[in-house]
Amino acid sequence: MTVTIELKPELEKRLAQKAEEKGLPIEAYIEVFIESTFAGDLANGQTEKAFYETATKEEWLAEFHKWIDSQKEKNYPSISDEMLRREKIYEDRL
């Protein structure tokens, strides 16, 4: 069966990156992804494994950096070095 899917450019880029990380052409990566998602799950009644169970070191780093980048848009107040001093944090114990 042949299926044609129009992907958003950013999704296509991410897909190409994942395929490259696995050393596969995009078409082969998609086929492996679909097979791994449905083959065992449907036959055994299993659900998809959690990210922490299957992610590689590179995938963890990519997600962490994505999270860091998402925090840049937020306008959190900064904490002064003085407020982070041990004496200030534990002033009720001195």
PDB file of N, CA and C in Angstrom:
ATOM      1  N   MET A   1       0.843  -1.174   0.000  1.00  0.00           N
ATOM      2  CA  MET A   1       0.000   0.000   0.000  1.00  0.00           C
ATOM      3  C   MET A   1       0.888   1.236   0.000  1.00  0.00           C
ATOM      4  N   THR A   2       0.498   2.211  -0.745  1.00  0.00           N
ATOM      5  CA  THR A   2       1.201   3.485  -0.777  1.00  0.00           C
ATOM      6  C   THR A   2       0.302   4.545  -0.171  1.00  0.00           C
ATOM      7  N   VAL A   3       0.866   5.330   0.748  1.00  0.00           N
ATOM      8  CA  VAL A   3       0.124   6.395   1.406  1.00  0.00           C
ATOM      9  C   VAL A   3       0.916   7.685   1.233  1.00  0.00           C
ATOM     10  N   THR A   4       0.231   8.755   0.884  1.00  0.00           N
ATOM     11  CA  THR A   4       0.871  10.060   0.756  1.00  0.00           C
ATOM     12  C   THR A   4       0.365  10.951   1.880  1.00  0.00           C
ATOM     13  N   ILE A   5       1.302  11.553   2.610  1.00  0.00           N
ATOM     14  CA  ILE A   5       0.947  12.418   3.730  1.00  0.00           C
ATOM     15  C   ILE A   5       1.658  13.751   3.544  1.00  0.00           C
ATOM     16  N   GLU A   6       0.919  14.842   3.669  1.00  0.00           N
ATOM     17  CA  GLU A   6       1.514  16.175   3.638  1.00  0.00           C
ATOM     18  C   GLU A   6       1.893  16.540   5.078  1.00  0.00           C
ATOM     19  N   LEU A   7       3.178  16.758   5.301  1.00  0.00           N
ATOM     20  CA  LEU A   7       3.666  17.088   6.642  1.00  0.00           C
ATOM     21  C   LEU A   7       4.016  18.565   6.736  1.00  0.00           C
ATOM     22  N   LYS A   8       3.831  19.123   7.922  1.00  0.00           N
ATOM     23  CA  LYS A   8       4.294  20.486   8.170  1.00  0.00           C
ATOM     24  C   LYS A   8       5.818  20.469   8.076  1.00  0.00           C
ATOM     25  N   PRO A   9       6.418  21.560   7.617  1.00  0.00           N
ATOM     26  CA  PRO A   9       7.877  21.594   7.462  1.00  0.00           C
ATOM     27  C   PRO A   9       8.637  21.257   8.741  1.00  0.00           C
ATOM     28  N   GLU A  10       8.161  21.757   9.889  1.00  0.00           N
ATOM     29  CA  GLU A  10       8.877  21.481  11.144  1.00  0.00           C
ATOM     30  C   GLU A  10       8.783  20.003  11.526  1.00  0.00           C
ATOM     31  N   LEU A  11       7.645  19.385  11.235  1.00  0.00           N
ATOM     32  CA  LEU A  11       7.491  17.959  11.513  1.00  0.00           C
ATOM     33  C   LEU A  11       8.364  17.134  10.574  1.00  0.00           C
ATOM     34  N   GLU A  12       8.423  17.538   9.326  1.00  0.00           N
ATOM     35  CA  GLU A  12       9.269  16.844   8.363  1.00  0.00           C
ATOM     36  C   GLU A  12      10.739  16.936   8.778  1.00  0.00           C
ATOM     37  N   LYS A  13      11.137  18.093   9.279  1.00  0.00           N
ATOM     38  CA  LYS A  13      12.524  18.285   9.727  1.00  0.00           C
ATOM     39  C   LYS A  13      12.826  17.368  10.920  1.00  0.00           C
ATOM     40  N   ARG A  14      11.904  17.310  11.888  1.00  0.00           N
ATOM     41  CA  ARG A  14      12.110  16.452  13.056  1.00  0.00           C
ATOM     42  C   ARG A  14      12.161  14.985  12.653  1.00  0.00           C
ATOM     43  N   LEU A  15      11.301  14.611  11.726  1.00  0.00           N
ATOM     44  CA  LEU A  15      11.277  13.241  11.229  1.00  0.00           C
ATOM     45  C   LEU A  15      12.602  12.892  10.552  1.00  0.00           C
ATOM     46  N   ALA A  16      13.112  13.803   9.752  1.00  0.00           N
ATOM     47  CA  ALA A  16      14.396  13.586   9.078  1.00  0.00           C
ATOM     48  C   ALA A  16      15.528  13.451  10.091  1.00  0.00           C
ATOM     49  N   GLN A  17      15.490  14.255  11.150  1.00  0.00           N
ATOM     50  CA  GLN A  17      16.521  14.178  12.199  1.00  0.00           C
ATOM     51  C   GLN A  17      16.475  12.829  12.905  1.00  0.00           C
ATOM     52  N   LYS A  18      15.275  12.378  13.257  1.00  0.00           N
ATOM     53  CA  LYS A  18      15.128  11.079  13.932  1.00  0.00           C
ATOM     54  C   LYS A  18      15.626   9.948  13.039  1.00  0.00           C
ATOM     55  N   ALA A  19      15.266  10.011  11.763  1.00  0.00           N
ATOM     56  CA  ALA A  19      15.704   8.979  10.831  1.00  0.00           C
ATOM     57  C   ALA A  19      17.226   8.973  10.711  1.00  0.00           C
ATOM     58  N   GLU A  20      17.809  10.166  10.645  1.00  0.00           N
ATOM     59  CA  GLU A  20      19.270  10.264  10.542  1.00  0.00           C
ATOM     60  C   GLU A  20      19.945   9.707  11.793  1.00  0.00           C
ATOM     61  N   GLU A  21      19.376  10.001  12.974  1.00  0.00           N
ATOM     62  CA  GLU A  21      19.924   9.482  14.231  1.00  0.00           C
ATOM     63  C   GLU A  21      19.949   7.950  14.227  1.00  0.00           C
ATOM     64  N   LYS A  22      18.933   7.346  13.625  1.00  0.00           N
ATOM     65  CA  LYS A  22      18.851   5.886  13.560  1.00  0.00           C
ATOM     66  C   LYS A  22      19.598   5.312  12.358  1.00  0.00           C
ATOM     67  N   GLY A  23      20.114   6.200  11.484  1.00  0.00           N
ATOM     68  CA  GLY A  23      20.857   5.747  10.317  1.00  0.00           C
ATOM     69  C   GLY A  23      19.972   5.129   9.246  1.00  0.00           C
ATOM     70  N   LEU A  24      18.739   5.631   9.138  1.00  0.00           N
ATOM     71  CA  LEU A  24      17.775   5.086   8.178  1.00  0.00           C
ATOM     72  C   LEU A  24      17.268   6.179   7.250  1.00  0.00           C
ATOM     73  N   PRO A  25      16.873   5.792   6.030  1.00  0.00           N
ATOM     74  CA  PRO A  25      16.148   6.749   5.196  1.00  0.00           C
ATOM     75  C   PRO A  25      14.791   7.026   5.834  1.00  0.00           C
ATOM     76  N   ILE A  26      14.215   8.172   5.538  1.00  0.00           N
ATOM     77  CA  ILE A  26      12.949   8.559   6.169  1.00  0.00           C
ATOM     78  C   ILE A  26      11.865   7.492   5.969  1.00  0.00           C
ATOM     79  N   GLU A  27      11.754   6.963   4.770  1.00  0.00           N
ATOM     80  CA  GLU A  27      10.717   5.974   4.486  1.00  0.00           C
ATOM     81  C   GLU A  27      10.871   4.739   5.377  1.00  0.00           C
ATOM     82  N   ALA A  28      12.119   4.278   5.532  1.00  0.00           N
ATOM     83  CA  ALA A  28      12.365   3.099   6.371  1.00  0.00           C
ATOM     84  C   ALA A  28      12.082   3.412   7.834  1.00  0.00           C
ATOM     85  N   TYR A  29      12.463   4.612   8.274  1.00  0.00           N
ATOM     86  CA  TYR A  29      12.218   5.007   9.668  1.00  0.00           C
ATOM     87  C   TYR A  29      10.711   5.021   9.949  1.00  0.00           C
ATOM     88  N   ILE A  30       9.926   5.582   9.016  1.00  0.00           N
ATOM     89  CA  ILE A  30       8.468   5.622   9.194  1.00  0.00           C
ATOM     90  C   ILE A  30       7.898   4.207   9.269  1.00  0.00           C
ATOM     91  N   GLU A  31       8.385   3.338   8.395  1.00  0.00           N
ATOM     92  CA  GLU A  31       7.889   1.961   8.397  1.00  0.00           C
ATOM     93  C   GLU A  31       8.217   1.264   9.719  1.00  0.00           C
ATOM     94  N   VAL A  32       9.431   1.414  10.199  1.00  0.00           N
ATOM     95  CA  VAL A  32       9.829   0.814  11.480  1.00  0.00           C
ATOM     96  C   VAL A  32       8.990   1.398  12.614  1.00  0.00           C
ATOM     97  N   PHE A  33       8.778   2.710  12.572  1.00  0.00           N
ATOM     98  CA  PHE A  33       7.985   3.371  13.609  1.00  0.00           C
ATOM     99  C   PHE A  33       6.565   2.819  13.649  1.00  0.00           C
ATOM    100  N   ILE A  34       5.955   2.709  12.489  1.00  0.00           N
ATOM    101  CA  ILE A  34       4.577   2.196  12.424  1.00  0.00           C
ATOM    102  C   ILE A  34       4.525   0.740  12.885  1.00  0.00           C
ATOM    103  N   GLU A  35       5.460  -0.073  12.409  1.00  0.00           N
ATOM    104  CA  GLU A  35       5.471  -1.479  12.820  1.00  0.00           C
ATOM    105  C   GLU A  35       5.652  -1.622  14.324  1.00  0.00           C
ATOM    106  N   SER A  36       6.583  -0.870  14.895  1.00  0.00           N
ATOM    107  CA  SER A  36       6.825  -0.990  16.335  1.00  0.00           C
ATOM    108  C   SER A  36       5.658  -0.460  17.149  1.00  0.00           C
ATOM    109  N   THR A  37       4.944   0.503  16.613  1.00  0.00           N
ATOM    110  CA  THR A  37       3.809   1.071  17.323  1.00  0.00           C
ATOM    111  C   THR A  37       2.617   0.117  17.333  1.00  0.00           C
ATOM    112  N   PHE A  38       2.357  -0.527  16.196  1.00  0.00           N
ATOM    113  CA  PHE A  38       1.149  -1.330  16.077  1.00  0.00           C
ATOM    114  C   PHE A  38       1.346  -2.837  16.176  1.00  0.00           C
ATOM    115  N   ALA A  39       2.414  -3.362  15.638  1.00  0.00           N
ATOM    116  CA  ALA A  39       2.563  -4.818  15.549  1.00  0.00           C
ATOM    117  C   ALA A  39       2.445  -5.498  16.903  1.00  0.00           C
ATOM    118  N   GLY A  40       3.340  -5.204  17.819  1.00  0.00           N
ATOM    119  CA  GLY A  40       3.317  -5.854  19.123  1.00  0.00           C
ATOM    120  C   GLY A  40       2.155  -5.409  19.981  1.00  0.00           C
ATOM    121  N   ASP A  41       1.802  -4.143  19.886  1.00  0.00           N
ATOM    122  CA  ASP A  41       0.737  -3.607  20.729  1.00  0.00           C
ATOM    123  C   ASP A  41      -0.605  -4.253  20.439  1.00  0.00           C
ATOM    124  N   LEU A  42      -0.934  -4.378  19.168  1.00  0.00           N
ATOM    125  CA  LEU A  42      -2.232  -4.958  18.818  1.00  0.00           C
ATOM    126  C   LEU A  42      -2.273  -6.455  19.098  1.00  0.00           C
ATOM    127  N   ALA A  43      -1.162  -7.140  18.837  1.00  0.00           N
ATOM    128  CA  ALA A  43      -1.143  -8.591  19.027  1.00  0.00           C
ATOM    129  C   ALA A  43      -1.149  -8.965  20.509  1.00  0.00           C
ATOM    130  N   ASN A  44      -0.438  -8.210  21.333  1.00  0.00           N
ATOM    131  CA  ASN A  44      -0.282  -8.575  22.738  1.00  0.00           C
ATOM    132  C   ASN A  44      -1.132  -7.742  23.694  1.00  0.00           C
ATOM    133  N   GLY A  45      -1.875  -6.783  23.175  1.00  0.00           N
ATOM    134  CA  GLY A  45      -2.677  -5.922  24.039  1.00  0.00           C
ATOM    135  C   GLY A  45      -1.832  -4.988  24.881  1.00  0.00           C
ATOM    136  N   GLN A  46      -0.596  -4.761  24.476  1.00  0.00           N
ATOM    137  CA  GLN A  46       0.296  -3.895  25.236  1.00  0.00           C
ATOM    138  C   GLN A  46       0.107  -2.449  24.809  1.00  0.00           C
ATOM    139  N   THR A  47       0.484  -1.557  25.693  1.00  0.00           N
ATOM    140  CA  THR A  47       0.461  -0.133  25.358  1.00  0.00           C
ATOM    141  C   THR A  47       1.883   0.315  25.061  1.00  0.00           C
ATOM    142  N   GLU A  48       1.987   1.489  24.483  1.00  0.00           N
ATOM    143  CA  GLU A  48       3.293   2.042  24.128  1.00  0.00           C
ATOM    144  C   GLU A  48       4.122   2.282  25.393  1.00  0.00           C
ATOM    145  N   LYS A  49       5.411   1.986  25.328  1.00  0.00           N
ATOM    146  CA  LYS A  49       6.283   2.200  26.485  1.00  0.00           C
ATOM    147  C   LYS A  49       6.506   3.682  26.704  1.00  0.00           C
ATOM    148  N   ALA A  50       6.749   4.034  27.941  1.00  0.00           N
ATOM    149  CA  ALA A  50       6.978   5.428  28.301  1.00  0.00           C
ATOM    150  C   ALA A  50       8.308   5.921  27.745  1.00  0.00           C
ATOM    151  N   PHE A  51       8.403   7.231  27.577  1.00  0.00           N
ATOM    152  CA  PHE A  51       9.608   7.861  27.042  1.00  0.00           C
ATOM    153  C   PHE A  51      10.846   7.439  27.836  1.00  0.00           C
ATOM    154  N   TYR A  52      10.751   7.457  29.165  1.00  0.00           N
ATOM    155  CA  TYR A  52      11.920   7.155  29.993  1.00  0.00           C
ATOM    156  C   TYR A  52      12.400   5.710  29.828  1.00  0.00           C
ATOM    157  N   GLU A  53      11.535   4.844  29.331  1.00  0.00           N
ATOM    158  CA  GLU A  53      11.921   3.449  29.136  1.00  0.00           C
ATOM    159  C   GLU A  53      12.636   3.216  27.807  1.00  0.00           C
ATOM    160  N   THR A  54      12.397   4.059  26.843  1.00  0.00           N
ATOM    161  CA  THR A  54      12.921   3.804  25.503  1.00  0.00           C
ATOM    162  C   THR A  54      13.876   4.861  24.984  1.00  0.00           C
ATOM    163  N   ALA A  55      13.923   6.021  25.596  1.00  0.00           N
ATOM    164  CA  ALA A  55      14.699   7.141  25.063  1.00  0.00           C
ATOM    165  C   ALA A  55      16.204   6.904  25.169  1.00  0.00           C
ATOM    166  N   THR A  56      16.894   7.338  24.136  1.00  0.00           N
ATOM    167  CA  THR A  56      18.356   7.284  24.139  1.00  0.00           C
ATOM    168  C   THR A  56      18.877   8.527  24.852  1.00  0.00           C
ATOM    169  N   LYS A  57      20.172   8.536  25.120  1.00  0.00           N
ATOM    170  CA  LYS A  57      20.795   9.692  25.759  1.00  0.00           C
ATOM    171  C   LYS A  57      20.567  10.941  24.910  1.00  0.00           C
ATOM    172  N   GLU A  58      20.691  10.804  23.607  1.00  0.00           N
ATOM    173  CA  GLU A  58      20.512  11.937  22.706  1.00  0.00           C
ATOM    174  C   GLU A  58      19.074  12.457  22.748  1.00  0.00           C
ATOM    175  N   GLU A  59      18.104  11.539  22.839  1.00  0.00           N
ATOM    176  CA  GLU A  59      16.700  11.948  22.914  1.00  0.00           C
ATOM    177  C   GLU A  59      16.419  12.671  24.231  1.00  0.00           C
ATOM    178  N   TRP A  60      17.008  12.181  25.327  1.00  0.00           N
ATOM    179  CA  TRP A  60      16.860  12.862  26.621  1.00  0.00           C
ATOM    180  C   TRP A  60      17.415  14.274  26.536  1.00  0.00           C
ATOM    181  N   LEU A  61      18.621  14.408  25.964  1.00  0.00           N
ATOM    182  CA  LEU A  61      19.239  15.729  25.852  1.00  0.00           C
ATOM    183  C   LEU A  61      18.411  16.654  24.977  1.00  0.00           C
ATOM    184  N   ALA A  62      17.894  16.138  23.878  1.00  0.00           N
ATOM    185  CA  ALA A  62      17.078  16.957  22.984  1.00  0.00           C
ATOM    186  C   ALA A  62      15.830  17.461  23.706  1.00  0.00           C
ATOM    187  N   GLU A  63      15.163  16.581  24.445  1.00  0.00           N
ATOM    188  CA  GLU A  63      13.964  16.988  25.191  1.00  0.00           C
ATOM    189  C   GLU A  63      14.312  17.989  26.286  1.00  0.00           C
ATOM    190  N   PHE A  64      15.451  17.781  26.955  1.00  0.00           N
ATOM    191  CA  PHE A  64      15.869  18.702  28.012  1.00  0.00           C
ATOM    192  C   PHE A  64      16.145  20.083  27.431  1.00  0.00           C
ATOM    193  N   HIS A  65      16.849  20.135  26.304  1.00  0.00           N
ATOM    194  CA  HIS A  65      17.148  21.423  25.673  1.00  0.00           C
ATOM    195  C   HIS A  65      15.878  22.095  25.151  1.00  0.00           C
ATOM    196  N   LYS A  66      14.932  21.288  24.675  1.00  0.00           N
ATOM    197  CA  LYS A  66      13.649  21.838  24.240  1.00  0.00           C
ATOM    198  C   LYS A  66      12.928  22.466  25.438  1.00  0.00           C
ATOM    199  N   TRP A  67      12.993  21.804  26.581  1.00  0.00           N
ATOM    200  CA  TRP A  67      12.369  22.344  27.792  1.00  0.00           C
ATOM    201  C   TRP A  67      13.066  23.641  28.212  1.00  0.00           C
ATOM    202  N   ILE A  68      14.396  23.648  28.184  1.00  0.00           N
ATOM    203  CA  ILE A  68      15.142  24.864  28.540  1.00  0.00           C
ATOM    204  C   ILE A  68      14.716  26.014  27.642  1.00  0.00           C
ATOM    205  N   ASP A  69      14.652  25.758  26.345  1.00  0.00           N
ATOM    206  CA  ASP A  69      14.251  26.804  25.404  1.00  0.00           C
ATOM    207  C   ASP A  69      12.837  27.301  25.687  1.00  0.00           C
ATOM    208  N   SER A  70      11.953  26.415  26.124  1.00  0.00           N
ATOM    209  CA  SER A  70      10.576  26.826  26.405  1.00  0.00           C
ATOM    210  C   SER A  70      10.507  27.735  27.629  1.00  0.00           C
ATOM    211  N   GLN A  71      11.498  27.659  28.504  1.00  0.00           N
ATOM    212  CA  GLN A  71      11.493  28.479  29.708  1.00  0.00           C
ATOM    213  C   GLN A  71      11.970  29.905  29.448  1.00  0.00           C
ATOM    214  N   LYS A  72      12.674  30.107  28.336  1.00  0.00           N
ATOM    215  CA  LYS A  72      13.207  31.438  28.018  1.00  0.00           C
ATOM    216  C   LYS A  72      12.091  32.444  27.781  1.00  0.00           C
ATOM    217  N   GLU A  73      10.947  31.980  27.312  1.00  0.00           N
ATOM    218  CA  GLU A  73       9.823  32.865  27.020  1.00  0.00           C
ATOM    219  C   GLU A  73       9.136  33.363  28.290  1.00  0.00           C
ATOM    220  N   LYS A  74       9.347  32.663  29.377  1.00  0.00           N
ATOM    221  CA  LYS A  74       8.700  33.030  30.633  1.00  0.00           C
ATOM    222  C   LYS A  74       9.533  34.094  31.334  1.00  0.00           C
ATOM    223  N   ASN A  75       8.879  34.990  31.996  1.00  0.00           N
ATOM    224  CA  ASN A  75       9.561  36.107  32.624  1.00  0.00           C
ATOM    225  C   ASN A  75       9.663  35.885  34.128  1.00  0.00           C
ATOM    226  N   TYR A  76      10.491  34.923  34.516  1.00  0.00           N
ATOM    227  CA  TYR A  76      10.667  34.644  35.933  1.00  0.00           C
ATOM    228  C   TYR A  76      11.561  35.709  36.565  1.00  0.00           C
ATOM    229  N   PRO A  77      11.283  36.090  37.822  1.00  0.00           N
ATOM    230  CA  PRO A  77      12.170  37.045  38.482  1.00  0.00           C
ATOM    231  C   PRO A  77      13.504  36.374  38.805  1.00  0.00           C
ATOM    232  N   SER A  78      14.565  37.128  38.750  1.00  0.00           N
ATOM    233  CA  SER A  78      15.867  36.554  39.078  1.00  0.00           C
ATOM    234  C   SER A  78      16.086  36.600  40.587  1.00  0.00           C
ATOM    235  N   ILE A  79      16.911  35.705  41.059  1.00  0.00           N
ATOM    236  CA  ILE A  79      17.235  35.623  42.479  1.00  0.00           C
ATOM    237  C   ILE A  79      18.664  36.119  42.658  1.00  0.00           C
ATOM    238  N   SER A  80      18.838  37.029  43.578  1.00  0.00           N
ATOM    239  CA  SER A  80      20.171  37.598  43.787  1.00  0.00           C
ATOM    240  C   SER A  80      21.095  36.569  44.444  1.00  0.00           C
ATOM    241  N   ASP A  81      22.377  36.739  44.242  1.00  0.00           N
ATOM    242  CA  ASP A  81      23.361  35.861  44.871  1.00  0.00           C
ATOM    243  C   ASP A  81      23.243  35.911  46.393  1.00  0.00           C
ATOM    244  N   GLU A  82      22.913  37.072  46.918  1.00  0.00           N
ATOM    245  CA  GLU A  82      22.774  37.225  48.369  1.00  0.00           C
ATOM    246  C   GLU A  82      21.658  36.322  48.909  1.00  0.00           C
ATOM    247  N   MET A  83      20.576  36.215  48.181  1.00  0.00           N
ATOM    248  CA  MET A  83      19.454  35.389  48.628  1.00  0.00           C
ATOM    249  C   MET A  83      19.790  33.894  48.571  1.00  0.00           C
ATOM    250  N   LEU A  84      20.771  33.527  47.792  1.00  0.00           N
ATOM    251  CA  LEU A  84      21.146  32.121  47.661  1.00  0.00           C
ATOM    252  C   LEU A  84      22.263  31.708  48.630  1.00  0.00           C
ATOM    253  N   ARG A  85      22.734  32.639  49.419  1.00  0.00           N
ATOM    254  CA  ARG A  85      23.782  32.308  50.393  1.00  0.00           C
ATOM    255  C   ARG A  85      23.225  31.353  51.446  1.00  0.00           C
ATOM    256  N   ARG A  86      24.047  30.436  51.868  1.00  0.00           N
ATOM    257  CA  ARG A  86      23.646  29.430  52.853  1.00  0.00           C
ATOM    258  C   ARG A  86      23.070  30.080  54.113  1.00  0.00           C
ATOM    259  N   GLU A  87      23.696  31.133  54.555  1.00  0.00           N
ATOM    260  CA  GLU A  87      23.246  31.810  55.771  1.00  0.00           C
ATOM    261  C   GLU A  87      21.823  32.369  55.618  1.00  0.00           C
ATOM    262  N   LYS A  88      21.506  32.807  54.420  1.00  0.00           N
ATOM    263  CA  LYS A  88      20.191  33.370  54.161  1.00  0.00           C
ATOM    264  C   LYS A  88      19.128  32.266  54.068  1.00  0.00           C
ATOM    265  N   ILE A  89      19.507  31.155  53.461  1.00  0.00           N
ATOM    266  CA  ILE A  89      18.557  30.053  53.311  1.00  0.00           C
ATOM    267  C   ILE A  89      18.237  29.418  54.672  1.00  0.00           C
ATOM    268  N   TYR A  90      19.247  29.297  55.502  1.00  0.00           N
ATOM    269  CA  TYR A  90      19.086  28.616  56.796  1.00  0.00           C
ATOM    270  C   TYR A  90      19.162  29.598  57.970  1.00  0.00           C
ATOM    271  N   GLU A  91      18.742  30.841  57.765  1.00  0.00           N
ATOM    272  CA  GLU A  91      18.886  31.841  58.823  1.00  0.00           C
ATOM    273  C   GLU A  91      18.137  31.478  60.097  1.00  0.00           C
ATOM    274  N   ASP A  92      17.064  30.694  60.020  1.00  0.00           N
ATOM    275  CA  ASP A  92      16.331  30.309  61.224  1.00  0.00           C
ATOM    276  C   ASP A  92      17.036  29.198  61.986  1.00  0.00           C
ATOM    277  N   ARG A  93      18.072  28.600  61.418  1.00  0.00           N
ATOM    278  CA  ARG A  93      18.799  27.512  62.081  1.00  0.00           C
ATOM    279  C   ARG A  93      20.131  27.966  62.662  1.00  0.00           C
ATOM    280  N   LEU A  94      20.480  29.193  62.476  1.00  0.00           N
ATOM    281  CA  LEU A  94      21.791  29.669  62.982  1.00  0.00           C
ATOM    282  C   LEU A  94      21.717  30.084  64.418  1.00  0.00           C
TER     283      LEU A  94
END
